[in-house]
């Protein structure tokens, strides 16, 4: 991870975001990536809280970082369709008292699967009951 690690950390530090959503993050509990993910969290000390949400095999997923402590967090699995070989994706929801932040990564192969995952995500958003920000990789364009 060393070739891009420092550049990513420097870029994030320069931006000073209140929230950061990352896609295709290696699971911090997996032996091969624990060092990199924990090092990333340690380098970005201005974030007070973070949550990882794994996908189908839990090797990869999304991570949500915040300068504020989360009131509650939740990982929602966004499944494909039975007739498709799409991988189950996830969304991480970080709730605060007055709003929520959501990061997700939708399927990259099938528009039909993306629409199914988006429907699941919209159902979850409607249950939050407060304003929310949705971010991520929606793979909505052919070249995205």
C-alpha atoms as a PDB file:
ATOM      1  CA  UNK A   1       0.000   0.000   0.000  1.00  0.00           C
ATOM      2  CA  UNK A   2       2.953   2.340   0.386  1.00  0.00           C
ATOM      3  CA  UNK A   3       3.040   3.660  -3.214  1.00  0.00           C
ATOM      4  CA  UNK A   4      -0.247   5.604  -2.944  1.00  0.00           C
ATOM      5  CA  UNK A   5      -0.771   5.693   0.807  1.00  0.00           C
ATOM      6  CA  UNK A   6       1.122   8.905   1.543  1.00  0.00           C
ATOM      7  CA  UNK A   7      -0.393  10.714  -1.441  1.00  0.00           C
ATOM      8  CA  UNK A   8      -3.925   9.806  -0.392  1.00  0.00           C
ATOM      9  CA  UNK A   9      -3.312  10.821   3.225  1.00  0.00           C
ATOM     10  CA  UNK A  10      -1.753  14.142   2.151  1.00  0.00           C
ATOM     11  CA  UNK A  11      -4.649  14.869  -0.211  1.00  0.00           C
ATOM     12  CA  UNK A  12      -7.249  14.216   2.487  1.00  0.00           C
ATOM     13  CA  UNK A  13      -5.329  16.295   5.039  1.00  0.00           C
ATOM     14  CA  UNK A  14      -5.097  19.197   2.572  1.00  0.00           C
ATOM     15  CA  UNK A  15      -8.858  19.116   1.975  1.00  0.00           C
ATOM     16  CA  UNK A  16      -9.737  18.952   5.707  1.00  0.00           C
ATOM     17  CA  UNK A  17     -13.141  17.341   5.127  1.00  0.00           C
ATOM     18  CA  UNK A  18     -15.705  16.919   7.882  1.00  0.00           C
ATOM     19  CA  UNK A  19     -16.751  13.620   6.306  1.00  0.00           C
ATOM     20  CA  UNK A  20     -15.017  11.188   4.001  1.00  0.00           C
ATOM     21  CA  UNK A  21     -16.528   8.228   2.182  1.00  0.00           C
ATOM     22  CA  UNK A  22     -14.268   5.626   0.595  1.00  0.00           C
ATOM     23  CA  UNK A  23     -15.141   2.782  -1.779  1.00  0.00           C
ATOM     24  CA  UNK A  24     -13.314  -0.491  -2.418  1.00  0.00           C
ATOM     25  CA  UNK A  25     -11.662  -0.371   0.972  1.00  0.00           C
ATOM     26  CA  UNK A  26      -9.983  -3.587   2.043  1.00  0.00           C
ATOM     27  CA  UNK A  27     -11.532  -4.907   5.243  1.00  0.00           C
ATOM     28  CA  UNK A  28      -9.484  -3.640   8.162  1.00  0.00           C
ATOM     29  CA  UNK A  29     -10.037  -6.974   9.934  1.00  0.00           C
ATOM     30  CA  UNK A  30      -8.502  -8.965   7.086  1.00  0.00           C
ATOM     31  CA  UNK A  31      -4.946  -9.921   7.885  1.00  0.00           C
ATOM     32  CA  UNK A  32      -3.489  -8.522   4.661  1.00  0.00           C
ATOM     33  CA  UNK A  33      -5.050  -5.095   4.996  1.00  0.00           C
ATOM     34  CA  UNK A  34      -5.264  -4.463   8.730  1.00  0.00           C
ATOM     35  CA  UNK A  35      -1.983  -2.576   8.780  1.00  0.00           C
ATOM     36  CA  UNK A  36      -2.966  -0.260   5.916  1.00  0.00           C
ATOM     37  CA  UNK A  37      -6.476   0.595   7.130  1.00  0.00           C
ATOM     38  CA  UNK A  38      -5.452   1.148  10.736  1.00  0.00           C
ATOM     39  CA  UNK A  39      -2.516   3.270   9.554  1.00  0.00           C
ATOM     40  CA  UNK A  40      -4.882   5.353   7.415  1.00  0.00           C
ATOM     41  CA  UNK A  41      -7.210   5.954  10.381  1.00  0.00           C
ATOM     42  CA  UNK A  42      -4.244   6.803  12.625  1.00  0.00           C
ATOM     43  CA  UNK A  43      -2.801   9.282  10.109  1.00  0.00           C
ATOM     44  CA  UNK A  44      -6.125  11.100   9.834  1.00  0.00           C
ATOM     45  CA  UNK A  45      -6.424  11.890  13.524  1.00  0.00           C
ATOM     46  CA  UNK A  46      -8.852  14.766  12.924  1.00  0.00           C
ATOM     47  CA  UNK A  47     -11.521  12.130  12.261  1.00  0.00           C
ATOM     48  CA  UNK A  48     -13.121  11.144  15.571  1.00  0.00           C
ATOM     49  CA  UNK A  49     -15.072   8.172  14.279  1.00  0.00           C
ATOM     50  CA  UNK A  50     -15.186   5.766  11.363  1.00  0.00           C
ATOM     51  CA  UNK A  51     -17.140   2.731  10.252  1.00  0.00           C
ATOM     52  CA  UNK A  52     -16.334  -0.014   7.746  1.00  0.00           C
ATOM     53  CA  UNK A  53     -19.157  -1.860   5.976  1.00  0.00           C
ATOM     54  CA  UNK A  54     -18.235  -5.028   4.131  1.00  0.00           C
ATOM     55  CA  UNK A  55     -19.794  -6.450   1.000  1.00  0.00           C
ATOM     56  CA  UNK A  56     -20.645 -10.040   0.069  1.00  0.00           C
ATOM     57  CA  UNK A  57     -17.444 -11.777   1.098  1.00  0.00           C
ATOM     58  CA  UNK A  58     -16.532  -8.979   3.538  1.00  0.00           C
ATOM     59  CA  UNK A  59     -13.032  -8.611   2.055  1.00  0.00           C
ATOM     60  CA  UNK A  60     -13.882  -5.213   0.607  1.00  0.00           C
ATOM     61  CA  UNK A  61     -16.465  -2.570   1.272  1.00  0.00           C
ATOM     62  CA  UNK A  62     -17.029   1.079   2.080  1.00  0.00           C
ATOM     63  CA  UNK A  63     -15.660   3.216   4.885  1.00  0.00           C
ATOM     64  CA  UNK A  64     -17.170   6.356   6.345  1.00  0.00           C
ATOM     65  CA  UNK A  65     -15.028   8.780   8.375  1.00  0.00           C
ATOM     66  CA  UNK A  66     -16.336  11.716  10.422  1.00  0.00           C
ATOM     67  CA  UNK A  67     -14.954  14.545  12.522  1.00  0.00           C
ATOM     68  CA  UNK A  68     -18.024  14.072  14.735  1.00  0.00           C
ATOM     69  CA  UNK A  69     -18.934  10.963  16.724  1.00  0.00           C
ATOM     70  CA  UNK A  70     -21.684   8.900  15.130  1.00  0.00           C
ATOM     71  CA  UNK A  71     -24.902   8.578  17.106  1.00  0.00           C
ATOM     72  CA  UNK A  72     -25.568   5.242  15.370  1.00  0.00           C
ATOM     73  CA  UNK A  73     -24.118   3.339  12.401  1.00  0.00           C
ATOM     74  CA  UNK A  74     -25.512   0.641  10.175  1.00  0.00           C
ATOM     75  CA  UNK A  75     -24.328  -1.414   7.219  1.00  0.00           C
ATOM     76  CA  UNK A  76     -26.943  -2.328   4.619  1.00  0.00           C
ATOM     77  CA  UNK A  77     -26.244  -5.099   2.114  1.00  0.00           C
ATOM     78  CA  UNK A  78     -27.313  -4.255  -1.425  1.00  0.00           C
ATOM     79  CA  UNK A  79     -27.847  -7.566  -3.150  1.00  0.00           C
ATOM     80  CA  UNK A  80     -27.888  -8.292  -6.838  1.00  0.00           C
ATOM     81  CA  UNK A  81     -30.662 -10.164  -8.603  1.00  0.00           C
ATOM     82  CA  UNK A  82     -30.981 -13.964  -8.592  1.00  0.00           C
ATOM     83  CA  UNK A  83     -30.585 -14.169 -12.378  1.00  0.00           C
ATOM     84  CA  UNK A  84     -27.408 -12.039 -12.353  1.00  0.00           C
ATOM     85  CA  UNK A  85     -23.966 -12.893 -11.083  1.00  0.00           C
ATOM     86  CA  UNK A  86     -23.606  -9.457  -9.503  1.00  0.00           C
ATOM     87  CA  UNK A  87     -21.680  -9.166  -6.270  1.00  0.00           C
ATOM     88  CA  UNK A  88     -23.523  -8.007  -3.173  1.00  0.00           C
ATOM     89  CA  UNK A  89     -22.500  -4.439  -2.384  1.00  0.00           C
ATOM     90  CA  UNK A  90     -23.030  -2.367   0.754  1.00  0.00           C
ATOM     91  CA  UNK A  91     -23.958   1.035   2.064  1.00  0.00           C
ATOM     92  CA  UNK A  92     -22.669   2.475   5.326  1.00  0.00           C
ATOM     93  CA  UNK A  93     -25.040   4.791   7.158  1.00  0.00           C
ATOM     94  CA  UNK A  94     -23.652   7.100   9.810  1.00  0.00           C
ATOM     95  CA  UNK A  95     -26.358   8.855  11.789  1.00  0.00           C
ATOM     96  CA  UNK A  96     -26.046  11.944  13.929  1.00  0.00           C
ATOM     97  CA  UNK A  97     -28.813  13.505  15.990  1.00  0.00           C
ATOM     98  CA  UNK A  98     -29.857  15.921  13.240  1.00  0.00           C
ATOM     99  CA  UNK A  99     -28.776  14.276   9.949  1.00  0.00           C
ATOM    100  CA  UNK A 100     -27.132  11.229   8.371  1.00  0.00           C
ATOM    101  CA  UNK A 101     -24.318  10.507   5.914  1.00  0.00           C
ATOM    102  CA  UNK A 102     -24.409   7.476   3.604  1.00  0.00           C
ATOM    103  CA  UNK A 103     -21.647   6.035   1.419  1.00  0.00           C
ATOM    104  CA  UNK A 104     -22.268   3.274  -1.109  1.00  0.00           C
ATOM    105  CA  UNK A 105     -20.851   1.599  -4.193  1.00  0.00           C
ATOM    106  CA  UNK A 106     -23.337   0.175  -6.690  1.00  0.00           C
ATOM    107  CA  UNK A 107     -22.788  -2.670  -9.148  1.00  0.00           C
ATOM    108  CA  UNK A 108     -20.622  -1.863 -12.164  1.00  0.00           C
ATOM    109  CA  UNK A 109     -21.951  -4.437 -14.642  1.00  0.00           C
ATOM    110  CA  UNK A 110     -25.742  -4.328 -14.787  1.00  0.00           C
ATOM    111  CA  UNK A 111     -28.088  -1.350 -14.918  1.00  0.00           C
ATOM    112  CA  UNK A 112     -30.894  -3.638 -13.755  1.00  0.00           C
ATOM    113  CA  UNK A 113     -28.904  -4.629 -10.673  1.00  0.00           C
ATOM    114  CA  UNK A 114     -27.980  -0.993  -9.975  1.00  0.00           C
ATOM    115  CA  UNK A 115     -31.662  -0.042 -10.080  1.00  0.00           C
ATOM    116  CA  UNK A 116     -32.497  -2.890  -7.690  1.00  0.00           C
ATOM    117  CA  UNK A 117     -29.704  -1.797  -5.324  1.00  0.00           C
ATOM    118  CA  UNK A 118     -30.830   1.843  -5.603  1.00  0.00           C
ATOM    119  CA  UNK A 119     -34.396   0.835  -4.662  1.00  0.00           C
ATOM    120  CA  UNK A 120     -33.079  -0.949  -1.553  1.00  0.00           C
ATOM    121  CA  UNK A 121     -30.992   2.082  -0.699  1.00  0.00           C
ATOM    122  CA  UNK A 122     -33.934   4.468  -1.159  1.00  0.00           C
ATOM    123  CA  UNK A 123     -36.064   2.306   1.172  1.00  0.00           C
ATOM    124  CA  UNK A 124     -33.321   2.559   3.810  1.00  0.00           C
ATOM    125  CA  UNK A 125     -33.041   6.340   3.296  1.00  0.00           C
ATOM    126  CA  UNK A 126     -36.786   6.769   3.790  1.00  0.00           C
ATOM    127  CA  UNK A 127     -36.504   5.051   7.187  1.00  0.00           C
ATOM    128  CA  UNK A 128     -33.829   7.432   8.488  1.00  0.00           C
ATOM    129  CA  UNK A 129     -36.376  10.148   9.205  1.00  0.00           C
ATOM    130  CA  UNK A 130     -33.959  13.087   8.959  1.00  0.00           C
ATOM    131  CA  UNK A 131     -32.023  14.927   6.262  1.00  0.00           C
ATOM    132  CA  UNK A 132     -29.212  12.865   4.770  1.00  0.00           C
ATOM    133  CA  UNK A 133     -26.329  13.105   2.340  1.00  0.00           C
ATOM    134  CA  UNK A 134     -25.773  10.221  -0.070  1.00  0.00           C
ATOM    135  CA  UNK A 135     -22.350   9.787  -1.666  1.00  0.00           C
ATOM    136  CA  UNK A 136     -20.438   7.062  -3.418  1.00  0.00           C
ATOM    137  CA  UNK A 137     -19.703   5.386  -6.704  1.00  0.00           C
ATOM    138  CA  UNK A 138     -23.001   4.868  -8.475  1.00  0.00           C
ATOM    139  CA  UNK A 139     -21.434   3.489 -11.678  1.00  0.00           C
ATOM    140  CA  UNK A 140     -24.146   5.374 -13.517  1.00  0.00           C
ATOM    141  CA  UNK A 141     -22.238   6.073 -16.703  1.00  0.00           C
ATOM    142  CA  UNK A 142     -20.706   3.644 -19.145  1.00  0.00           C
ATOM    143  CA  UNK A 143     -17.243   5.110 -18.547  1.00  0.00           C
ATOM    144  CA  UNK A 144     -17.580   5.681 -14.783  1.00  0.00           C
END
